Every structure is written in structure tokens, then in C-alpha cells.
């Protein structure tokens, strides 16, 4: 896994802390604002705060109606906040209108200029009781700093019931068909949904907040083909390679990263399986840590935090879920080994595919069911290509651990003397960047 730019990360943390102090000072005023938008009577209690990686919620109780939550994206940790909130609200409305997937009811929402004291865009929604599904499934830990990993002793009957529900959610999303790649909007007159703006992704947020990525390089409009979208993602990886100053630790590391990102671009024709669409909704963050479950009935009661949802190439939706071990494959590759990952992942993948087979019954896609396409994705390595496509911070590790063995040209390039000589200016530039970065860090943190 690539390290973040420590200066960018510190700037973001400082912005977040300054904003949090305002939230704490204004909690009464915020609760009163929520009451004015909910019409559930007077506020009787500010129950507490709901903290996530990218959002902060305030849980409010009333005397004449159910509890509600106002949720703000955290400045410093979240980029393009108004756009993010608008996209998420529209997706939640889409799910409510077209699927039985359980999402909180959106009571009210607004952009920064509509928020109390200009604190930022907000969503006010019903408070849903439940336990994080990841908490129920994880192996016991001694401290909050330990990795959240699926318990090897998890009850299979319980996991089957959970998998059946999530498989049903995914099949609902599979049935969405759009002719462009990007974020969706509902036409107020025709009452139809279509793609009208650029995709706003998790990767874009990370690059903008912890890498000093030049945000004017991000896309500005939807994409008409999968090939064009993958090319944009490849360009994103390349721009990141050249601009994050502490990306490479030494010349050999710089060269390996260059090869990985260069070869990723060359692999697009091999792994881009359906250029013309139709395209489908995909939520990269639809995982147990963003789901609530009733521990007695094992029913999933809410799907939360869906801000990174876009219409994407359908092949993303035809991958086995990356989160089946709770800890993502990028973290396994960093902290463990590929062999350890596969030994744990593949049995759970088979269990999930069996759940998908049980609940499958929706429309066919290209003459094949999603079950068959998921098996194909895993067998061909497309799973790893798609995963690398979505994360600039992990593409290098994923390429060398999972894609290079299917791409002999990468290894040949790595050991080609003439090619290495041509790359000397690049590696020298990265080392000059690293020297300047370290000097700036020393001055900043001393």
C-alpha cells in the first residue's frame, strides 16, 4: 500500500479538528435546526455523535416523533462535499423508489449555503437502530487498533443468512441499466433516472485529500464508453505517479511503480470486457461495516454511507465482493501474503456464490447470470484488474502480486536494460521530489 503525503494528511486533520470544535460549540443550535426541518416536536436529548471515516452525525431525540440524525461530511477528510452529498441523496432516493434495499429515509438535505452556520452540506435522516454487521462478523480483538478480520470461527448458518441478503441487494443493483458512466439524477418532470454528471469516486476523494493531487485533472463530465473510463482511471494513476512526492522510496521502487502503472494501461484492451454498455450502478463501499443488523433476527436493517456509488462499467458489478474477509485484499497484501489471502478468501467466495445462486432469478446479462460472470472474473484475473483500477494507492501492490504473472511483458520491461536507461530521468526526478519532501517535512514538524 502506498503511503499518504504526510503534509496533506496533517493539513486535512487540522481542518477537521477546527471544524469539529465548531460542531461541538454549536450542537444546541444544530439540534434546533434539525427540529425545524423534521417537525417532530421539541428536542429532548442530543443522544451523541456517530463518527465515521468521512462523515460525522449528530443523533437527536424528539418529544413527538422518532429519532433523527443529521450527518455532515468531514472537511479535510472529504473533498467535493456538496457534490458528494447531492450524489448520495439521489442514490438513496433511487434505492427507495426502485428496490427493497433498506436505506434510511431522507427527511431533508441541503448544500453548504443551506446549512446552519455554513457548516457544510448535510443529510437529515431517520435514526436506524442496529449493530454494525462487521462487528457481528469480526474475530475478537483486544484493541481498536487491531485489524477487523472475518472470524475464522463464524457460524456458517448465520453467514449464509447474511450472504443471502447481500446477494439480493447486489442483484437489485444489477438490474439497473444506463447508457452513460457517472452520477445519476432524477428528472423532476419525467420521473426518470439518468446519468447527468461525472462519476465521483472513493479514489478521487483519497487523491484530493492525502496526495496533493491536481484536482483540475479529474473528469468533468460523464463517460460514453467503458474504454474511455478505464483510460481516464489509468491517466489518474499516472498523474498520481508523477505528482505525489513521497510515492517512491528509492529508484527501484520508482521503477516498479512506473512499470505497474504503464502495464495497467496496456492491459485495458484485455480486461475491458464490454465497452458499449449498458452500464450499471456499483457501490464500492457496500460492505458489512456500512450495514446495520438486528442481532436477534439477523435481518439487515439499513445500508449506510453510499456516497461513492456511480454508474460504472458492468464488469465491476460482476466481481466477487472484495470485502468477504472484511479486511480488503490491499491490506492483506501489505500485512500478510497472497497465499494467506487466497486460503481464507476462496472458501468464503464460494460460500457467497452459493448464496447468489440461491437468490438469483433476475434478468440475464449478456446471456449469462451474474454467478457465471463472477466465476469468470475470478478465474481470468479480471477481479484484480478491476480492483487495481479503482485505487491509485494500491495499484502497484495489486499488479505485482496478482496481475504480473498474467502479464509477462511487465517482467520483461522491468529487466530490460535499455528500458531502464530510458527511465533514468524519471527515477531521478522522483528521488529529487522525495528529498525536497523530506526536507519540507523536517521543517514543518520540527
Protein backbone atom coordinates (compact mmCIF):
# COMPACT_ATOMS: atom_id res chain seq x y z
CA UNK A 1 0.00 0.00 0.00
CA UNK A 2 1.27 3.46 -0.87
CA UNK A 3 1.85 5.87 1.99
CA UNK A 4 -0.08 9.10 2.06
CA UNK A 5 1.54 12.50 1.80
CA UNK A 6 2.05 13.31 5.48
CA UNK A 7 1.79 17.05 4.89
CA UNK A 8 -1.52 16.72 3.05
CA UNK A 9 -2.81 14.33 5.70
CA UNK A 10 -1.84 16.69 8.51
CA UNK A 11 -3.46 19.66 6.79
CA UNK A 12 -6.65 17.64 6.44
CA UNK A 13 -6.59 16.55 10.07
CA UNK A 14 -6.13 20.14 11.22
CA UNK A 15 -9.03 21.32 9.07
CA UNK A 16 -11.19 18.55 10.50
CA UNK A 17 -10.26 19.36 14.10
CA UNK A 18 -11.02 23.07 13.64
CA UNK A 19 -14.39 22.22 12.13
CA UNK A 20 -15.17 19.69 14.89
CA UNK A 21 -14.66 22.34 17.55
CA UNK A 22 -17.32 24.44 15.82
CA UNK A 23 -19.70 21.49 15.75
CA UNK A 24 -19.24 20.90 19.48
CA UNK A 25 -19.78 24.58 20.26
CA UNK A 26 -22.93 24.73 18.12
CA UNK A 27 -24.54 21.39 18.97
CA UNK A 28 -27.63 23.01 20.53
CA UNK A 29 -28.14 25.23 17.50
CA UNK A 30 -27.66 22.26 15.16
CA UNK A 31 -30.21 20.19 17.09
CA UNK A 32 -32.68 23.08 16.89
CA UNK A 33 -32.09 23.28 13.14
CA UNK A 34 -32.83 19.56 12.83
CA UNK A 35 -36.07 20.01 14.77
CA UNK A 36 -37.13 22.80 12.41
CA UNK A 37 -36.65 20.52 9.40
CA UNK A 38 -38.12 17.34 10.95
CA UNK A 39 -41.30 18.71 12.51
CA UNK A 40 -41.22 16.08 15.26
CA UNK A 41 -41.67 18.39 18.19
CA UNK A 42 -39.06 19.72 20.57
CA UNK A 43 -35.59 18.28 21.02
CA UNK A 44 -35.45 16.30 24.25
CA UNK A 45 -31.92 14.97 24.02
CA UNK A 46 -28.76 15.11 21.96
CA UNK A 47 -28.01 11.41 22.22
CA UNK A 48 -24.48 11.51 20.87
CA UNK A 49 -22.23 11.56 17.84
CA UNK A 50 -21.83 8.98 15.07
CA UNK A 51 -18.27 9.09 13.80
CA UNK A 52 -17.05 7.59 10.54
CA UNK A 53 -14.01 7.96 8.35
CA UNK A 54 -15.63 10.62 6.19
CA UNK A 55 -18.80 11.73 8.00
CA UNK A 56 -19.94 12.95 11.41
CA UNK A 57 -23.51 12.55 12.57
CA UNK A 58 -25.45 14.10 15.45
CA UNK A 59 -28.15 11.81 16.90
CA UNK A 60 -31.18 13.82 18.09
CA UNK A 61 -34.26 12.72 20.09
CA UNK A 62 -37.67 14.45 20.00
CA UNK A 63 -40.80 14.52 22.14
CA UNK A 64 -43.25 13.94 19.26
CA UNK A 65 -41.59 11.62 16.80
CA UNK A 66 -38.81 9.14 16.12
CA UNK A 67 -35.13 9.98 16.46
CA UNK A 68 -33.19 11.55 13.60
CA UNK A 69 -29.58 12.03 12.56
CA UNK A 70 -28.01 15.00 10.83
CA UNK A 71 -24.85 13.94 9.03
CA UNK A 72 -22.12 16.18 7.66
CA UNK A 73 -19.15 15.14 5.50
CA UNK A 74 -15.95 15.93 7.39
CA UNK A 75 -13.90 18.77 5.87
CA UNK A 76 -10.25 17.88 5.49
CA UNK A 77 -11.17 14.22 5.08
CA UNK A 78 -13.74 14.71 2.33
CA UNK A 79 -13.36 16.58 -0.96
CA UNK A 80 -16.16 17.96 -3.18
CA UNK A 81 -18.53 17.86 -0.22
CA UNK A 82 -21.57 19.45 -1.85
CA UNK A 83 -21.29 17.19 -4.87
CA UNK A 84 -20.79 14.14 -2.66
CA UNK A 85 -23.91 14.79 -0.59
CA UNK A 86 -26.09 15.53 -3.62
CA UNK A 87 -24.95 12.29 -5.29
CA UNK A 88 -25.58 10.21 -2.19
CA UNK A 89 -29.06 11.62 -1.59
CA UNK A 90 -30.03 10.89 -5.18
CA UNK A 91 -28.77 7.33 -4.91
CA UNK A 92 -30.68 6.78 -1.67
CA UNK A 93 -33.81 8.14 -3.32
CA UNK A 94 -33.25 5.82 -6.28
CA UNK A 95 -32.96 2.80 -3.98
CA UNK A 96 -36.09 3.80 -2.08
CA UNK A 97 -38.08 4.19 -5.29
CA UNK A 98 -36.89 1.16 -7.24
CA UNK A 99 -35.65 -1.51 -4.79
CA UNK A 100 -36.44 -3.06 -1.40
CA UNK A 101 -32.88 -2.41 -0.19
CA UNK A 102 -33.22 -0.90 3.31
CA UNK A 103 -31.88 2.64 3.43
CA UNK A 104 -32.70 5.36 5.97
CA UNK A 105 -35.47 7.73 4.93
CA UNK A 106 -34.06 11.11 3.89
CA UNK A 107 -36.08 13.74 5.73
CA UNK A 108 -34.22 16.78 4.46
CA UNK A 109 -30.89 17.69 2.93
CA UNK A 110 -29.05 20.74 1.69
CA UNK A 111 -25.82 22.19 0.38
CA UNK A 112 -23.40 24.32 2.37
CA UNK A 113 -25.28 27.57 1.89
CA UNK A 114 -28.42 25.98 3.36
CA UNK A 115 -26.71 24.52 6.44
CA UNK A 116 -26.63 26.05 9.93
CA UNK A 117 -23.70 28.43 10.26
CA UNK A 118 -22.38 27.29 6.88
CA UNK A 119 -21.06 24.09 8.46
CA UNK A 120 -21.31 22.22 5.21
CA UNK A 121 -23.75 20.10 3.23
CA UNK A 122 -25.96 17.84 5.32
CA UNK A 123 -28.41 14.97 5.24
CA UNK A 124 -31.12 14.63 7.88
CA UNK A 125 -32.42 11.07 8.03
CA UNK A 126 -34.23 8.67 10.32
CA UNK A 127 -32.10 7.08 13.00
CA UNK A 128 -31.96 3.31 12.49
CA UNK A 129 -31.19 1.03 15.40
CA UNK A 130 -28.86 -1.88 14.90
CA UNK A 131 -25.33 -3.19 15.20
CA UNK A 132 -22.69 -2.83 12.55
CA UNK A 133 -22.60 -6.09 10.62
CA UNK A 134 -18.81 -6.05 10.67
CA UNK A 135 -18.93 -6.02 14.48
CA UNK A 136 -21.02 -9.20 14.47
CA UNK A 137 -18.77 -10.98 11.94
CA UNK A 138 -15.28 -9.96 13.02
CA UNK A 139 -12.87 -12.05 15.04
CA UNK A 140 -12.47 -10.79 18.63
CA UNK A 141 -9.87 -8.05 19.10
CA UNK A 142 -8.03 -6.76 22.14
CA UNK A 143 -7.88 -3.13 20.99
CA UNK A 144 -9.45 -0.82 18.42
CA UNK A 145 -6.11 -0.67 16.57
CA UNK A 146 -6.25 -4.33 15.55
CA UNK A 147 -7.35 -5.30 12.04
CA UNK A 148 -11.05 -6.05 11.57
CA UNK A 149 -10.99 -9.54 10.02
CA UNK A 150 -13.77 -12.06 9.48
CA UNK A 151 -13.75 -14.55 12.32
CA UNK A 152 -12.49 -17.94 11.13
CA UNK A 153 -15.00 -19.44 13.58
CA UNK A 154 -18.03 -17.53 12.29
CA UNK A 155 -21.22 -19.56 12.29
CA UNK A 156 -21.84 -20.70 8.71
CA UNK A 157 -25.61 -20.71 9.06
CA UNK A 158 -25.52 -17.09 10.22
CA UNK A 159 -23.15 -16.17 7.40
CA UNK A 160 -25.41 -17.87 4.87
CA UNK A 161 -28.35 -15.75 6.01
CA UNK A 162 -26.26 -12.59 5.79
CA UNK A 163 -24.89 -13.52 2.38
CA UNK A 164 -28.38 -14.29 1.05
CA UNK A 165 -29.49 -10.77 1.91
CA UNK A 166 -26.45 -9.05 0.45
CA UNK A 167 -26.64 -11.17 -2.69
CA UNK A 168 -30.22 -9.98 -3.06
CA UNK A 169 -29.06 -6.36 -2.72
CA UNK A 170 -26.45 -6.85 -5.42
CA UNK A 171 -28.95 -8.46 -7.77
CA UNK A 172 -31.18 -5.42 -7.32
CA UNK A 173 -28.33 -3.17 -8.41
CA UNK A 174 -27.50 -5.47 -11.35
CA UNK A 175 -30.92 -4.71 -12.80
CA UNK A 176 -30.14 -1.01 -13.27
CA UNK A 177 -29.24 -0.11 -16.86
CA UNK A 178 -27.85 3.23 -18.02
CA UNK A 179 -26.22 4.40 -21.23
CA UNK A 180 -23.52 6.59 -19.65
CA UNK A 181 -20.98 6.25 -16.84
CA UNK A 182 -21.26 8.76 -13.99
CA UNK A 183 -23.60 10.00 -11.24
CA UNK A 184 -27.38 9.79 -11.51
CA UNK A 185 -30.13 12.42 -11.33
CA UNK A 186 -33.92 12.15 -11.37
CA UNK A 187 -35.81 14.20 -13.94
CA UNK A 188 -38.47 16.07 -11.93
CA UNK A 189 -40.93 16.09 -14.84
CA UNK A 190 -40.46 12.70 -16.47
CA UNK A 191 -39.69 10.98 -13.12
CA UNK A 192 -36.93 9.01 -14.82
CA UNK A 193 -33.34 8.43 -13.73
CA UNK A 194 -30.32 9.09 -15.93
CA UNK A 195 -26.60 9.84 -15.73
CA UNK A 196 -26.03 13.58 -15.91
CA UNK A 197 -22.66 14.28 -14.27
CA UNK A 198 -19.18 12.88 -13.74
CA UNK A 199 -18.50 9.89 -11.52
CA UNK A 200 -17.26 10.97 -8.09
CA UNK A 201 -15.29 8.08 -6.64
CA UNK A 202 -13.66 6.99 -3.41
CA UNK A 203 -10.29 7.11 -5.17
CA UNK A 204 -10.82 10.72 -6.24
CA UNK A 205 -11.55 11.67 -2.64
CA UNK A 206 -8.38 9.99 -1.37
CA UNK A 207 -6.19 11.56 -4.04
CA UNK A 208 -7.64 15.01 -3.35
CA UNK A 209 -7.24 14.82 0.44
CA UNK A 210 -4.00 12.93 1.10
CA UNK A 211 -1.84 13.21 -2.02
CA UNK A 212 -1.97 16.86 -3.18
CA UNK A 213 -3.37 15.53 -6.45
CA UNK A 214 -4.11 18.30 -9.02
CA UNK A 215 -7.90 18.21 -8.88
CA UNK A 216 -8.26 20.00 -12.22
CA UNK A 217 -7.12 16.71 -13.77
CA UNK A 218 -10.24 14.88 -12.59
CA UNK A 219 -13.04 14.23 -15.11
CA UNK A 220 -15.68 16.90 -15.56
CA UNK A 221 -18.45 15.00 -17.35
CA UNK A 222 -19.88 11.50 -17.81
CA UNK A 223 -18.24 8.86 -19.99
CA UNK A 224 -19.86 7.32 -23.06
CA UNK A 225 -17.76 4.14 -23.13
CA UNK A 226 -16.08 1.78 -20.70
CA UNK A 227 -12.81 2.01 -22.61
CA UNK A 228 -12.76 5.81 -22.18
CA UNK A 229 -13.48 5.42 -18.47
CA UNK A 230 -10.68 2.91 -17.92
CA UNK A 231 -8.31 5.16 -19.84
CA UNK A 232 -9.23 8.01 -17.51
CA UNK A 233 -8.53 5.79 -14.49
CA UNK A 234 -5.17 4.86 -16.00
CA UNK A 235 -4.40 8.56 -16.50
CA UNK A 236 -5.38 9.15 -12.87
CA UNK A 237 -2.85 6.51 -11.77
CA UNK A 238 -0.15 8.05 -13.96
CA UNK A 239 -0.77 11.60 -12.74
CA UNK A 240 -0.58 10.30 -9.19
CA UNK A 241 2.71 8.58 -10.02
CA UNK A 242 4.27 11.84 -11.20
CA UNK A 243 2.81 14.24 -8.62
CA UNK A 244 2.91 12.60 -5.16
CA UNK A 245 6.39 13.43 -3.98
CA UNK A 246 6.86 10.62 -1.46
CA UNK A 247 5.29 7.93 -3.64
CA UNK A 248 8.56 6.06 -4.26
CA UNK A 249 11.08 5.25 -1.55
CA UNK A 250 14.08 4.53 -3.80
CA UNK A 251 14.94 4.25 -7.54
CA UNK A 252 13.96 0.58 -7.71
CA UNK A 253 10.59 1.31 -6.11
CA UNK A 254 10.02 4.19 -8.54
CA UNK A 255 10.81 1.96 -11.50
CA UNK A 256 8.49 -0.84 -10.31
CA UNK A 257 5.65 1.63 -9.81
CA UNK A 258 6.20 3.05 -13.28
CA UNK A 259 6.10 -0.43 -14.82
CA UNK A 260 2.94 -1.37 -12.89
CA UNK A 261 1.03 1.72 -13.98
CA UNK A 262 2.32 1.60 -17.55
CA UNK A 263 1.34 -2.05 -17.89
CA UNK A 264 -2.08 -1.44 -16.30
CA UNK A 265 -2.87 0.93 -19.13
CA UNK A 266 -1.71 -1.65 -21.68
CA UNK A 267 -4.00 -4.28 -20.12
CA UNK A 268 -7.17 -2.28 -20.71
CA UNK A 269 -7.99 -4.00 -24.05
CA UNK A 270 -7.57 -7.41 -22.41
CA UNK A 271 -9.77 -6.79 -19.38
CA UNK A 272 -12.31 -4.20 -20.58
CA UNK A 273 -14.95 -6.77 -21.43
CA UNK A 274 -17.93 -4.66 -22.55
CA UNK A 275 -17.08 -1.27 -23.98
CA UNK A 276 -20.55 -0.26 -25.18
CA UNK A 277 -22.65 -0.98 -22.09
CA UNK A 278 -25.29 -0.85 -20.82
CA UNK A 279 -23.71 0.23 -17.55
CA UNK A 280 -24.89 -0.49 -14.04
CA UNK A 281 -24.88 1.01 -10.56
CA UNK A 282 -21.96 -0.04 -8.39
CA UNK A 283 -21.23 0.88 -4.79
CA UNK A 284 -17.62 0.12 -3.94
CA UNK A 285 -18.39 0.70 -0.25
CA UNK A 286 -21.35 -1.69 0.02
CA UNK A 287 -19.74 -3.75 2.77
CA UNK A 288 -20.54 -5.03 6.29
CA UNK A 289 -19.02 -2.02 8.06
CA UNK A 290 -21.70 0.10 6.36
CA UNK A 291 -24.64 -2.15 7.20
CA UNK A 292 -26.71 -2.46 10.37
CA UNK A 293 -28.12 -5.79 11.53
CA UNK A 294 -30.66 -6.90 14.10
CA UNK A 295 -28.64 -9.39 16.13
CA UNK A 296 -31.72 -11.37 17.15
CA UNK A 297 -33.29 -11.86 13.73
CA UNK A 298 -30.09 -11.44 11.66
CA UNK A 299 -32.02 -9.13 9.34
CA UNK A 300 -30.01 -6.30 7.78
CA UNK A 301 -31.92 -3.17 8.81
CA UNK A 302 -30.01 -0.46 6.95
CA UNK A 303 -27.43 0.14 4.26
CA UNK A 304 -25.45 3.28 5.09
CA UNK A 305 -22.79 5.57 3.62
CA UNK A 306 -23.27 5.05 -0.10
CA UNK A 307 -21.60 8.26 -1.25
CA UNK A 308 -19.18 6.54 -3.65
CA UNK A 309 -21.92 4.99 -5.77
CA UNK A 310 -21.82 5.60 -9.51
CA UNK A 311 -22.95 4.05 -12.73
CA UNK A 312 -19.84 2.15 -13.83
CA UNK A 313 -18.77 -0.46 -16.36
CA UNK A 314 -20.90 -3.50 -15.56
CA UNK A 315 -17.81 -5.65 -15.03
CA UNK A 316 -17.26 -4.01 -11.62
CA UNK A 317 -20.59 -5.45 -10.52
CA UNK A 318 -19.61 -8.87 -11.84
CA UNK A 319 -16.67 -9.29 -9.46
CA UNK A 320 -16.89 -11.39 -6.31
CA UNK A 321 -17.16 -8.94 -3.39
CA UNK A 322 -13.73 -7.74 -2.27
CA UNK A 323 -14.86 -7.41 1.38
CA UNK A 324 -15.64 -11.06 2.17
CA UNK A 325 -12.83 -11.17 4.75
CA UNK A 326 -13.80 -7.66 5.99
CA UNK A 327 -10.16 -6.58 5.59
CA UNK A 328 -9.59 -5.67 1.95
CA UNK A 329 -7.14 -7.52 -0.30
CA UNK A 330 -4.83 -4.48 -0.42
CA UNK A 331 -4.32 -4.70 3.34
CA UNK A 332 -3.80 -8.46 3.16
CA UNK A 333 -1.09 -7.94 0.55
CA UNK A 334 0.58 -5.36 2.78
CA UNK A 335 0.39 -7.21 6.09
CA UNK A 336 0.18 -10.87 5.14
CA UNK A 337 0.76 -12.83 1.91
CA UNK A 338 -1.21 -13.65 -1.22
CA UNK A 339 -1.23 -17.31 -0.19
CA UNK A 340 -2.79 -16.42 3.18
CA UNK A 341 -5.36 -14.22 1.47
CA UNK A 342 -6.37 -16.91 -1.02
CA UNK A 343 -6.55 -19.61 1.66
CA UNK A 344 -9.13 -17.59 3.57
CA UNK A 345 -10.85 -15.76 0.73
CA UNK A 346 -11.66 -18.52 -1.73
CA UNK A 347 -13.81 -20.64 0.66
CA UNK A 348 -15.83 -17.54 1.59
CA UNK A 349 -16.12 -16.57 -2.07
CA UNK A 350 -17.55 -20.00 -2.84
CA UNK A 351 -19.97 -19.63 0.06
CA UNK A 352 -21.10 -16.24 -1.24
CA UNK A 353 -21.51 -17.55 -4.78
CA UNK A 354 -23.71 -20.34 -3.44
CA UNK A 355 -25.84 -17.65 -1.76
CA UNK A 356 -26.02 -15.76 -5.04
CA UNK A 357 -27.13 -18.95 -6.77
CA UNK A 358 -29.90 -19.41 -4.21
CA UNK A 359 -31.37 -15.95 -4.66
CA UNK A 360 -30.56 -15.42 -8.33
CA UNK A 361 -33.52 -15.13 -10.63
CA UNK A 362 -33.45 -11.66 -12.09
CA UNK A 363 -32.86 -10.69 -15.71
CA UNK A 364 -29.94 -12.20 -17.58
CA UNK A 365 -26.97 -10.07 -18.55
CA UNK A 366 -25.36 -10.76 -21.91
CA UNK A 367 -26.89 -14.21 -21.91
CA UNK A 368 -25.23 -15.12 -18.60
CA UNK A 369 -26.21 -14.87 -14.97
CA UNK A 370 -24.05 -12.78 -12.59
CA UNK A 371 -23.00 -16.00 -10.88
CA UNK A 372 -21.21 -17.23 -14.01
CA UNK A 373 -19.68 -13.80 -14.61
CA UNK A 374 -18.29 -13.68 -11.06
CA UNK A 375 -16.64 -17.05 -11.52
CA UNK A 376 -15.17 -15.89 -14.81
CA UNK A 377 -13.87 -12.66 -13.22
CA UNK A 378 -12.01 -14.64 -10.59
CA UNK A 379 -10.66 -17.25 -12.99
CA UNK A 380 -9.35 -14.74 -15.54
CA UNK A 381 -7.86 -12.25 -13.07
CA UNK A 382 -10.32 -9.52 -14.07
CA UNK A 383 -11.18 -9.20 -10.36
CA UNK A 384 -7.64 -7.92 -9.71
CA UNK A 385 -7.61 -5.61 -12.73
CA UNK A 386 -10.89 -4.03 -11.62
CA UNK A 387 -9.64 -3.68 -8.06
CA UNK A 388 -6.43 -2.02 -9.27
CA UNK A 389 -8.46 0.29 -11.50
CA UNK A 390 -10.31 1.72 -8.50
CA UNK A 391 -7.35 2.51 -6.22
CA UNK A 392 -4.31 4.58 -7.11
CA UNK A 393 -2.78 3.87 -3.71
CA UNK A 394 -2.78 0.09 -4.14
CA UNK A 395 -2.41 -0.48 -7.86
CA UNK A 396 1.32 -1.24 -7.64
CA UNK A 397 0.98 -3.92 -4.97
CA UNK A 398 -2.00 -5.48 -6.74
CA UNK A 399 -0.23 -5.52 -10.11
CA UNK A 400 2.91 -7.26 -8.84
CA UNK A 401 1.05 -9.68 -6.58
CA UNK A 402 -1.78 -10.68 -8.91
CA UNK A 403 -1.54 -9.29 -12.46
CA UNK A 404 2.14 -9.51 -13.37
CA UNK A 405 2.05 -13.31 -13.56
CA UNK A 406 -0.59 -12.93 -16.29
CA UNK A 407 1.42 -10.18 -17.99
CA UNK A 408 4.94 -11.33 -18.89
CA UNK A 409 5.58 -8.07 -20.74
CA UNK A 410 5.77 -6.31 -17.38
CA UNK A 411 8.55 -8.50 -16.06
CA UNK A 412 10.41 -8.24 -19.35
CA UNK A 413 10.20 -4.46 -19.22
CA UNK A 414 11.42 -4.44 -15.63
CA UNK A 415 14.61 -6.30 -16.57
CA UNK A 416 15.21 -4.68 -19.96
CA UNK A 417 18.47 -2.71 -19.71
CA UNK A 418 17.63 -0.23 -22.46
CA UNK A 419 14.21 0.48 -20.98
CA UNK A 420 15.76 1.05 -17.56
CA UNK A 421 18.22 3.55 -19.04
CA UNK A 422 15.36 5.46 -20.63
CA UNK A 423 13.66 5.61 -17.24
CA UNK A 424 16.64 7.17 -15.51
CA UNK A 425 15.28 10.76 -15.80
CA UNK A 426 12.00 9.66 -14.22
CA UNK A 427 13.62 7.92 -11.27
CA UNK A 428 15.99 10.85 -10.74
CA UNK A 429 13.01 13.20 -10.70
CA UNK A 430 11.20 11.04 -8.11
CA UNK A 431 14.27 11.00 -5.89
CA UNK A 432 14.59 14.78 -6.15
CA UNK A 433 10.92 15.06 -5.18
CA UNK A 434 11.47 12.77 -2.21
CA UNK A 435 14.47 14.77 -0.99
CA UNK A 436 12.50 18.02 -1.18
CA UNK A 437 9.54 16.37 0.55
CA UNK A 438 11.64 15.08 3.44
CA UNK A 439 13.24 18.48 3.88
CA UNK A 440 9.84 20.16 3.98
CA UNK A 441 8.52 17.60 6.48
CA UNK A 442 11.51 18.13 8.75
CA UNK A 443 10.93 21.88 8.73
CA UNK A 444 7.17 21.53 9.22
CA UNK A 445 7.16 19.01 12.04
CA UNK A 446 10.25 20.19 13.96
